[in-house]
Amino acid sequence: MKFAEKVQKCVSHAMIKKSESYAIKNANSACMSWLYQPKESENIKKLRKF
């Protein structure tokens, strides 16, 4: 494995972890608008902690 491939693999892995943590944080936050509550998908329901 070349150096560029290793760097690309590490960067993509870091981006996946960061985006997953952002999605979990976003799923566990409240909506700012009282009247608008979008319908949640099953994937988001799995990420909720409460």
PDB file of N, CA and C in Angstrom:
ATOM      1  N   MET A   1       0.846  -1.173   0.000  1.00  0.00           N
ATOM      2  CA  MET A   1       0.000   0.000   0.000  1.00  0.00           C
ATOM      3  C   MET A   1       0.895   1.241   0.000  1.00  0.00           C
ATOM      4  N   LYS A   2       0.615   2.133  -0.910  1.00  0.00           N
ATOM      5  CA  LYS A   2       1.430   3.328  -1.021  1.00  0.00           C
ATOM      6  C   LYS A   2       1.027   4.347   0.040  1.00  0.00           C
ATOM      7  N   PHE A   3       1.902   5.308   0.251  1.00  0.00           N
ATOM      8  CA  PHE A   3       1.667   6.336   1.263  1.00  0.00           C
ATOM      9  C   PHE A   3       0.392   7.122   0.982  1.00  0.00           C
ATOM     10  N   ALA A   4       0.168   7.485  -0.286  1.00  0.00           N
ATOM     11  CA  ALA A   4      -1.026   8.265  -0.644  1.00  0.00           C
ATOM     12  C   ALA A   4      -2.300   7.473  -0.362  1.00  0.00           C
ATOM     13  N   GLU A   5      -2.270   6.179  -0.590  1.00  0.00           N
ATOM     14  CA  GLU A   5      -3.436   5.330  -0.313  1.00  0.00           C
ATOM     15  C   GLU A   5      -3.700   5.240   1.182  1.00  0.00           C
ATOM     16  N   LYS A   6      -2.630   5.157   1.974  1.00  0.00           N
ATOM     17  CA  LYS A   6      -2.786   5.108   3.429  1.00  0.00           C
ATOM     18  C   LYS A   6      -3.380   6.405   3.957  1.00  0.00           C
ATOM     19  N   VAL A   7      -2.892   7.523   3.444  1.00  0.00           N
ATOM     20  CA  VAL A   7      -3.406   8.820   3.869  1.00  0.00           C
ATOM     21  C   VAL A   7      -4.872   8.959   3.481  1.00  0.00           C
ATOM     22  N   GLN A   8      -5.211   8.552   2.264  1.00  0.00           N
ATOM     23  CA  GLN A   8      -6.591   8.645   1.802  1.00  0.00           C
ATOM     24  C   GLN A   8      -7.502   7.758   2.659  1.00  0.00           C
ATOM     25  N   LYS A   9      -7.043   6.571   3.019  1.00  0.00           N
ATOM     26  CA  LYS A   9      -7.833   5.673   3.848  1.00  0.00           C
ATOM     27  C   LYS A   9      -8.038   6.259   5.247  1.00  0.00           C
ATOM     28  N   CYS A  10      -7.011   6.854   5.826  1.00  0.00           N
ATOM     29  CA  CYS A  10      -7.119   7.455   7.158  1.00  0.00           C
ATOM     30  C   CYS A  10      -8.044   8.666   7.148  1.00  0.00           C
ATOM     31  N   VAL A  11      -7.946   9.483   6.114  1.00  0.00           N
ATOM     32  CA  VAL A  11      -8.792  10.671   6.020  1.00  0.00           C
ATOM     33  C   VAL A  11     -10.245  10.268   5.831  1.00  0.00           C
ATOM     34  N   SER A  12     -10.493   9.280   4.974  1.00  0.00           N
ATOM     35  CA  SER A  12     -11.880   8.852   4.762  1.00  0.00           C
ATOM     36  C   SER A  12     -12.451   8.226   6.031  1.00  0.00           C
ATOM     37  N   HIS A  13     -11.648   7.487   6.774  1.00  0.00           N
ATOM     38  CA  HIS A  13     -12.102   6.896   8.034  1.00  0.00           C
ATOM     39  C   HIS A  13     -12.435   7.986   9.055  1.00  0.00           C
ATOM     40  N   ALA A  14     -11.608   9.006   9.122  1.00  0.00           N
ATOM     41  CA  ALA A  14     -11.860  10.117  10.045  1.00  0.00           C
ATOM     42  C   ALA A  14     -13.129  10.869   9.649  1.00  0.00           C
ATOM     43  N   MET A  15     -13.350  11.063   8.361  1.00  0.00           N
ATOM     44  CA  MET A  15     -14.556  11.754   7.905  1.00  0.00           C
ATOM     45  C   MET A  15     -15.809  10.946   8.224  1.00  0.00           C
ATOM     46  N   ILE A  16     -15.736   9.645   8.099  1.00  0.00           N
ATOM     47  CA  ILE A  16     -16.881   8.786   8.417  1.00  0.00           C
ATOM     48  C   ILE A  16     -17.214   8.881   9.900  1.00  0.00           C
ATOM     49  N   LYS A  17     -16.206   8.810  10.748  1.00  0.00           N
ATOM     50  CA  LYS A  17     -16.434   8.893  12.191  1.00  0.00           C
ATOM     51  C   LYS A  17     -17.006  10.245  12.581  1.00  0.00           C
ATOM     52  N   LYS A  18     -16.482  11.320  11.997  1.00  0.00           N
ATOM     53  CA  LYS A  18     -16.955  12.667  12.314  1.00  0.00           C
ATOM     54  C   LYS A  18     -18.397  12.858  11.852  1.00  0.00           C
ATOM     55  N   SER A  19     -18.717  12.393  10.657  1.00  0.00           N
ATOM     56  CA  SER A  19     -20.081  12.554  10.155  1.00  0.00           C
ATOM     57  C   SER A  19     -21.062  11.709  10.948  1.00  0.00           C
ATOM     58  N   GLU A  20     -20.630  10.529  11.415  1.00  0.00           N
ATOM     59  CA  GLU A  20     -21.503   9.689  12.233  1.00  0.00           C
ATOM     60  C   GLU A  20     -21.781  10.357  13.579  1.00  0.00           C
ATOM     61  N   SER A  21     -20.772  10.939  14.196  1.00  0.00           N
ATOM     62  CA  SER A  21     -20.983  11.615  15.482  1.00  0.00           C
ATOM     63  C   SER A  21     -21.850  12.856  15.303  1.00  0.00           C
ATOM     64  N   TYR A  22     -21.707  13.556  14.182  1.00  0.00           N
ATOM     65  CA  TYR A  22     -22.555  14.717  13.910  1.00  0.00           C
ATOM     66  C   TYR A  22     -24.005  14.288  13.715  1.00  0.00           C
ATOM     67  N   ALA A  23     -24.222  13.161  13.027  1.00  0.00           N
ATOM     68  CA  ALA A  23     -25.584  12.667  12.814  1.00  0.00           C
ATOM     69  C   ALA A  23     -26.234  12.268  14.128  1.00  0.00           C
ATOM     70  N   ILE A  24     -25.482  11.651  15.019  1.00  0.00           N
ATOM     71  CA  ILE A  24     -26.023  11.277  16.329  1.00  0.00           C
ATOM     72  C   ILE A  24     -26.354  12.525  17.132  1.00  0.00           C
ATOM     73  N   LYS A  25     -25.478  13.506  17.109  1.00  0.00           N
ATOM     74  CA  LYS A  25     -25.729  14.756  17.828  1.00  0.00           C
ATOM     75  C   LYS A  25     -26.961  15.464  17.262  1.00  0.00           C
ATOM     76  N   ASN A  26     -27.094  15.485  15.952  1.00  0.00           N
ATOM     77  CA  ASN A  26     -28.227  16.133  15.309  1.00  0.00           C
ATOM     78  C   ASN A  26     -29.522  15.382  15.599  1.00  0.00           C
ATOM     79  N   ALA A  27     -29.490  14.072  15.672  1.00  0.00           N
ATOM     80  CA  ALA A  27     -30.694  13.283  15.947  1.00  0.00           C
ATOM     81  C   ALA A  27     -31.160  13.477  17.383  1.00  0.00           C
ATOM     82  N   ASN A  28     -30.241  13.789  18.283  1.00  0.00           N
ATOM     83  CA  ASN A  28     -30.587  13.949  19.685  1.00  0.00           C
ATOM     84  C   ASN A  28     -30.867  15.396  20.079  1.00  0.00           C
ATOM     85  N   SER A  29     -30.882  16.303  19.114  1.00  0.00           N
ATOM     86  CA  SER A  29     -31.177  17.693  19.433  1.00  0.00           C
ATOM     87  C   SER A  29     -32.628  18.004  19.090  1.00  0.00           C
ATOM     88  N   ALA A  30     -33.166  19.008  19.741  1.00  0.00           N
ATOM     89  CA  ALA A  30     -34.558  19.389  19.526  1.00  0.00           C
ATOM     90  C   ALA A  30     -34.675  20.318  18.327  1.00  0.00           C
ATOM     91  N   CYS A  31     -35.836  20.323  17.724  1.00  0.00           N
ATOM     92  CA  CYS A  31     -36.104  21.213  16.594  1.00  0.00           C
ATOM     93  C   CYS A  31     -36.367  22.615  17.146  1.00  0.00           C
ATOM     94  N   MET A  32     -35.806  23.625  16.502  1.00  0.00           N
ATOM     95  CA  MET A  32     -35.953  25.002  16.986  1.00  0.00           C
ATOM     96  C   MET A  32     -37.357  25.554  16.746  1.00  0.00           C
ATOM     97  N   SER A  33     -38.054  25.038  15.773  1.00  0.00           N
ATOM     98  CA  SER A  33     -39.386  25.533  15.446  1.00  0.00           C
ATOM     99  C   SER A  33     -40.432  24.690  16.164  1.00  0.00           C
ATOM    100  N   TRP A  34     -41.371  25.338  16.840  1.00  0.00           N
ATOM    101  CA  TRP A  34     -42.405  24.609  17.576  1.00  0.00           C
ATOM    102  C   TRP A  34     -43.422  23.975  16.645  1.00  0.00           C
ATOM    103  N   LEU A  35     -43.725  24.620  15.540  1.00  0.00           N
ATOM    104  CA  LEU A  35     -44.795  24.143  14.675  1.00  0.00           C
ATOM    105  C   LEU A  35     -44.308  23.137  13.634  1.00  0.00           C
ATOM    106  N   TYR A  36     -43.041  23.099  13.382  1.00  0.00           N
ATOM    107  CA  TYR A  36     -42.527  22.198  12.348  1.00  0.00           C
ATOM    108  C   TYR A  36     -41.726  21.076  12.988  1.00  0.00           C
ATOM    109  N   GLN A  37     -42.252  19.878  12.925  1.00  0.00           N
ATOM    110  CA  GLN A  37     -41.538  18.697  13.384  1.00  0.00           C
ATOM    111  C   GLN A  37     -41.525  17.690  12.237  1.00  0.00           C
ATOM    112  N   PRO A  38     -40.415  17.549  11.535  1.00  0.00           N
ATOM    113  CA  PRO A  38     -40.377  16.633  10.387  1.00  0.00           C
ATOM    114  C   PRO A  38     -40.521  15.183  10.825  1.00  0.00           C
ATOM    115  N   LYS A  39     -41.048  14.367   9.932  1.00  0.00           N
ATOM    116  CA  LYS A  39     -41.196  12.945  10.213  1.00  0.00           C
ATOM    117  C   LYS A  39     -39.811  12.299  10.205  1.00  0.00           C
ATOM    118  N   GLU A  40     -39.527  11.527  11.234  1.00  0.00           N
ATOM    119  CA  GLU A  40     -38.223  10.894  11.358  1.00  0.00           C
ATOM    120  C   GLU A  40     -38.216   9.543  10.668  1.00  0.00           C
ATOM    121  N   SER A  41     -37.105   9.220  10.068  1.00  0.00           N
ATOM    122  CA  SER A  41     -36.955   7.902   9.451  1.00  0.00           C
ATOM    123  C   SER A  41     -36.544   6.889  10.523  1.00  0.00           C
ATOM    124  N   GLU A  42     -36.586   5.638  10.166  1.00  0.00           N
ATOM    125  CA  GLU A  42     -36.218   4.575  11.112  1.00  0.00           C
ATOM    126  C   GLU A  42     -34.731   4.646  11.469  1.00  0.00           C
ATOM    127  N   ASN A  43     -33.885   5.092  10.540  1.00  0.00           N
ATOM    128  CA  ASN A  43     -32.450   5.192  10.819  1.00  0.00           C
ATOM    129  C   ASN A  43     -32.179   6.226  11.892  1.00  0.00           C
ATOM    130  N   ILE A  44     -32.913   7.330  11.865  1.00  0.00           N
ATOM    131  CA  ILE A  44     -32.717   8.380  12.873  1.00  0.00           C
ATOM    132  C   ILE A  44     -33.241   7.910  14.226  1.00  0.00           C
ATOM    133  N   LYS A  45     -34.340   7.171  14.231  1.00  0.00           N
ATOM    134  CA  LYS A  45     -34.884   6.675  15.495  1.00  0.00           C
ATOM    135  C   LYS A  45     -33.885   5.753  16.188  1.00  0.00           C
ATOM    136  N   LYS A  46     -33.085   5.025  15.405  1.00  0.00           N
ATOM    137  CA  LYS A  46     -32.086   4.129  15.988  1.00  0.00           C
ATOM    138  C   LYS A  46     -30.955   4.926  16.641  1.00  0.00           C
ATOM    139  N   LEU A  47     -30.681   6.156  16.175  1.00  0.00           N
ATOM    140  CA  LEU A  47     -29.597   6.950  16.715  1.00  0.00           C
ATOM    141  C   LEU A  47     -29.985   7.700  17.988  1.00  0.00           C
ATOM    142  N   ARG A  48     -31.277   7.850  18.244  1.00  0.00           N
ATOM    143  CA  ARG A  48     -31.731   8.602  19.414  1.00  0.00           C
ATOM    144  C   ARG A  48     -31.348   7.904  20.716  1.00  0.00           C
ATOM    145  N   LYS A  49     -30.992   8.688  21.703  1.00  0.00           N
ATOM    146  CA  LYS A  49     -30.658   8.155  23.007  1.00  0.00           C
ATOM    147  C   LYS A  49     -31.850   8.196  23.960  1.00  0.00           C
ATOM    148  N   PHE A  50     -32.812   9.070  23.681  1.00  0.00           N
ATOM    149  CA  PHE A  50     -33.977   9.192  24.566  1.00  0.00           C
ATOM    150  C   PHE A  50     -35.248   9.000  23.791  1.00  0.00           C
TER     151      PHE A  50
END
